[in-house]
Amino acid sequence: MAVAVRALQEQLEKAKESLKNVDENIRKLTGRDPNDVRPIQARLLALSGPGGGERPRRR
């Protein structure tokens, strides 16, 4: 059991490091932090709540 937990923890750390590298690449390409909430995102969160919600359908 401990071996399986250790293996999962190692996989989690590798995934976190990979995501960190992706964030750094996005920052380099766009010039802003990918975790920053942009005004349009803030407005959408205010309307739909933190869980998102169903988007209105286009006609």
N, C-alpha and C. Protein backbone atom coordinates (compact mmCIF):
# COMPACT_ATOMS: atom_id res chain seq x y z
N MET A 1 0.82 -1.19 0.00
CA MET A 1 0.00 0.00 0.00
C MET A 1 0.86 1.25 0.00
N ALA A 2 1.89 1.27 0.84
CA ALA A 2 2.77 2.43 0.94
C ALA A 2 3.50 2.67 -0.38
N VAL A 3 3.83 1.59 -1.07
CA VAL A 3 4.52 1.73 -2.35
C VAL A 3 3.60 2.39 -3.38
N ALA A 4 2.34 2.01 -3.37
CA ALA A 4 1.38 2.60 -4.30
C ALA A 4 1.17 4.07 -4.00
N VAL A 5 1.09 4.43 -2.73
CA VAL A 5 0.92 5.83 -2.34
C VAL A 5 2.14 6.64 -2.76
N ARG A 6 3.32 6.10 -2.55
CA ARG A 6 4.55 6.79 -2.92
C ARG A 6 4.60 6.99 -4.44
N ALA A 7 4.20 5.98 -5.20
CA ALA A 7 4.20 6.09 -6.65
C ALA A 7 3.22 7.16 -7.12
N LEU A 8 2.05 7.22 -6.49
CA LEU A 8 1.07 8.24 -6.83
C LEU A 8 1.57 9.64 -6.48
N GLN A 9 2.25 9.77 -5.35
CA GLN A 9 2.80 11.06 -4.96
C GLN A 9 3.87 11.52 -5.96
N GLU A 10 4.69 10.60 -6.44
CA GLU A 10 5.71 10.94 -7.42
C GLU A 10 5.07 11.38 -8.74
N GLN A 11 4.01 10.69 -9.15
CA GLN A 11 3.30 11.07 -10.37
C GLN A 11 2.67 12.45 -10.22
N LEU A 12 2.13 12.73 -9.04
CA LEU A 12 1.53 14.03 -8.78
C LEU A 12 2.57 15.13 -8.86
N GLU A 13 3.73 14.92 -8.28
CA GLU A 13 4.81 15.92 -8.33
C GLU A 13 5.27 16.16 -9.77
N LYS A 14 5.38 15.10 -10.56
CA LYS A 14 5.77 15.26 -11.96
C LYS A 14 4.73 16.05 -12.73
N ALA A 15 3.46 15.78 -12.46
CA ALA A 15 2.37 16.50 -13.14
C ALA A 15 2.39 17.98 -12.75
N LYS A 16 2.62 18.28 -11.47
CA LYS A 16 2.70 19.66 -11.01
C LYS A 16 3.84 20.40 -11.69
N GLU A 17 4.98 19.75 -11.81
CA GLU A 17 6.14 20.36 -12.46
C GLU A 17 5.85 20.62 -13.93
N SER A 18 5.18 19.69 -14.57
CA SER A 18 4.81 19.85 -15.97
C SER A 18 3.88 21.04 -16.15
N LEU A 19 2.90 21.17 -15.26
CA LEU A 19 1.96 22.29 -15.33
C LEU A 19 2.67 23.61 -15.05
N LYS A 20 3.65 23.59 -14.16
CA LYS A 20 4.42 24.80 -13.88
C LYS A 20 5.14 25.25 -15.15
N ASN A 21 5.70 24.30 -15.88
CA ASN A 21 6.37 24.62 -17.14
C ASN A 21 5.39 25.19 -18.16
N VAL A 22 4.19 24.66 -18.20
CA VAL A 22 3.17 25.18 -19.12
C VAL A 22 2.81 26.62 -18.75
N ASP A 23 2.63 26.88 -17.45
CA ASP A 23 2.34 28.24 -17.01
C ASP A 23 3.45 29.21 -17.41
N GLU A 24 4.69 28.78 -17.26
CA GLU A 24 5.82 29.64 -17.62
C GLU A 24 5.83 29.91 -19.13
N ASN A 25 5.50 28.91 -19.93
CA ASN A 25 5.45 29.11 -21.38
C ASN A 25 4.33 30.07 -21.76
N ILE A 26 3.18 29.94 -21.12
CA ILE A 26 2.06 30.86 -21.38
C ILE A 26 2.46 32.28 -21.00
N ARG A 27 3.13 32.42 -19.89
CA ARG A 27 3.57 33.74 -19.43
C ARG A 27 4.53 34.36 -20.45
N LYS A 28 5.44 33.55 -20.97
CA LYS A 28 6.40 34.05 -21.96
C LYS A 28 5.70 34.46 -23.26
N LEU A 29 4.74 33.67 -23.70
CA LEU A 29 4.07 33.93 -24.97
C LEU A 29 3.09 35.09 -24.91
N THR A 30 2.35 35.20 -23.81
CA THR A 30 1.30 36.21 -23.73
C THR A 30 1.71 37.45 -22.94
N GLY A 31 2.74 37.32 -22.11
CA GLY A 31 3.18 38.44 -21.31
C GLY A 31 2.36 38.65 -20.05
N ARG A 32 1.52 37.70 -19.68
CA ARG A 32 0.75 37.84 -18.44
C ARG A 32 0.64 36.48 -17.75
N ASP A 33 0.31 36.55 -16.49
CA ASP A 33 0.18 35.34 -15.68
C ASP A 33 -1.10 34.61 -16.08
N PRO A 34 -1.02 33.32 -16.41
CA PRO A 34 -2.23 32.59 -16.82
C PRO A 34 -3.25 32.43 -15.70
N ASN A 35 -2.87 32.67 -14.46
CA ASN A 35 -3.80 32.55 -13.34
C ASN A 35 -4.53 33.85 -13.03
N ASP A 36 -4.13 34.95 -13.69
CA ASP A 36 -4.82 36.22 -13.49
C ASP A 36 -6.22 36.14 -14.06
N VAL A 37 -7.16 36.70 -13.33
CA VAL A 37 -8.54 36.74 -13.82
C VAL A 37 -8.70 38.01 -14.64
N ARG A 38 -9.06 37.84 -15.88
CA ARG A 38 -9.28 38.98 -16.77
C ARG A 38 -10.69 39.53 -16.53
N PRO A 39 -10.95 40.79 -16.88
CA PRO A 39 -12.27 41.39 -16.61
C PRO A 39 -13.45 40.58 -17.14
N ILE A 40 -13.36 40.05 -18.34
CA ILE A 40 -14.47 39.27 -18.89
C ILE A 40 -14.71 38.01 -18.07
N GLN A 41 -13.62 37.37 -17.61
CA GLN A 41 -13.76 36.18 -16.78
C GLN A 41 -14.42 36.52 -15.45
N ALA A 42 -14.02 37.65 -14.86
CA ALA A 42 -14.60 38.06 -13.59
C ALA A 42 -16.10 38.31 -13.74
N ARG A 43 -16.47 38.92 -14.86
CA ARG A 43 -17.89 39.19 -15.10
C ARG A 43 -18.67 37.88 -15.25
N LEU A 44 -18.10 36.95 -15.99
CA LEU A 44 -18.77 35.66 -16.18
C LEU A 44 -18.90 34.90 -14.87
N LEU A 45 -17.86 34.96 -14.04
CA LEU A 45 -17.93 34.29 -12.74
C LEU A 45 -19.00 34.93 -11.87
N ALA A 46 -19.12 36.25 -11.93
CA ALA A 46 -20.12 36.94 -11.12
C ALA A 46 -21.53 36.55 -11.56
N LEU A 47 -21.71 36.34 -12.86
CA LEU A 47 -23.04 36.00 -13.36
C LEU A 47 -23.41 34.55 -13.09
N SER A 48 -22.43 33.65 -13.25
CA SER A 48 -22.75 32.23 -13.16
C SER A 48 -22.37 31.61 -11.83
N GLY A 49 -21.56 32.26 -11.05
CA GLY A 49 -21.11 31.70 -9.78
C GLY A 49 -19.82 30.93 -9.98
N PRO A 50 -19.18 30.51 -8.90
CA PRO A 50 -17.86 29.87 -8.99
C PRO A 50 -17.89 28.51 -9.68
N GLY A 51 -19.02 27.86 -9.73
CA GLY A 51 -19.09 26.54 -10.36
C GLY A 51 -19.30 26.61 -11.86
N GLY A 52 -19.37 27.81 -12.39
CA GLY A 52 -19.60 27.95 -13.82
C GLY A 52 -21.08 28.06 -14.09
N GLY A 53 -21.60 27.09 -14.72
CA GLY A 53 -23.03 27.13 -15.05
C GLY A 53 -23.20 26.90 -16.53
N GLU A 54 -24.42 26.77 -16.91
CA GLU A 54 -24.71 26.50 -18.31
C GLU A 54 -24.59 27.80 -19.09
N ARG A 55 -23.92 27.73 -20.21
CA ARG A 55 -23.78 28.90 -21.07
C ARG A 55 -25.05 29.08 -21.89
N PRO A 56 -25.42 30.32 -22.14
CA PRO A 56 -26.59 30.55 -22.99
C PRO A 56 -26.32 30.04 -24.41
N ARG A 57 -27.33 29.47 -24.99
CA ARG A 57 -27.18 28.94 -26.34
C ARG A 57 -27.36 30.02 -27.37
N ARG A 58 -26.57 29.94 -28.42
CA ARG A 58 -26.70 30.88 -29.52
C ARG A 58 -27.82 30.44 -30.44
N ARG A 59 -28.49 31.40 -31.00
CA ARG A 59 -29.58 31.06 -31.92
C ARG A 59 -29.13 31.24 -33.33
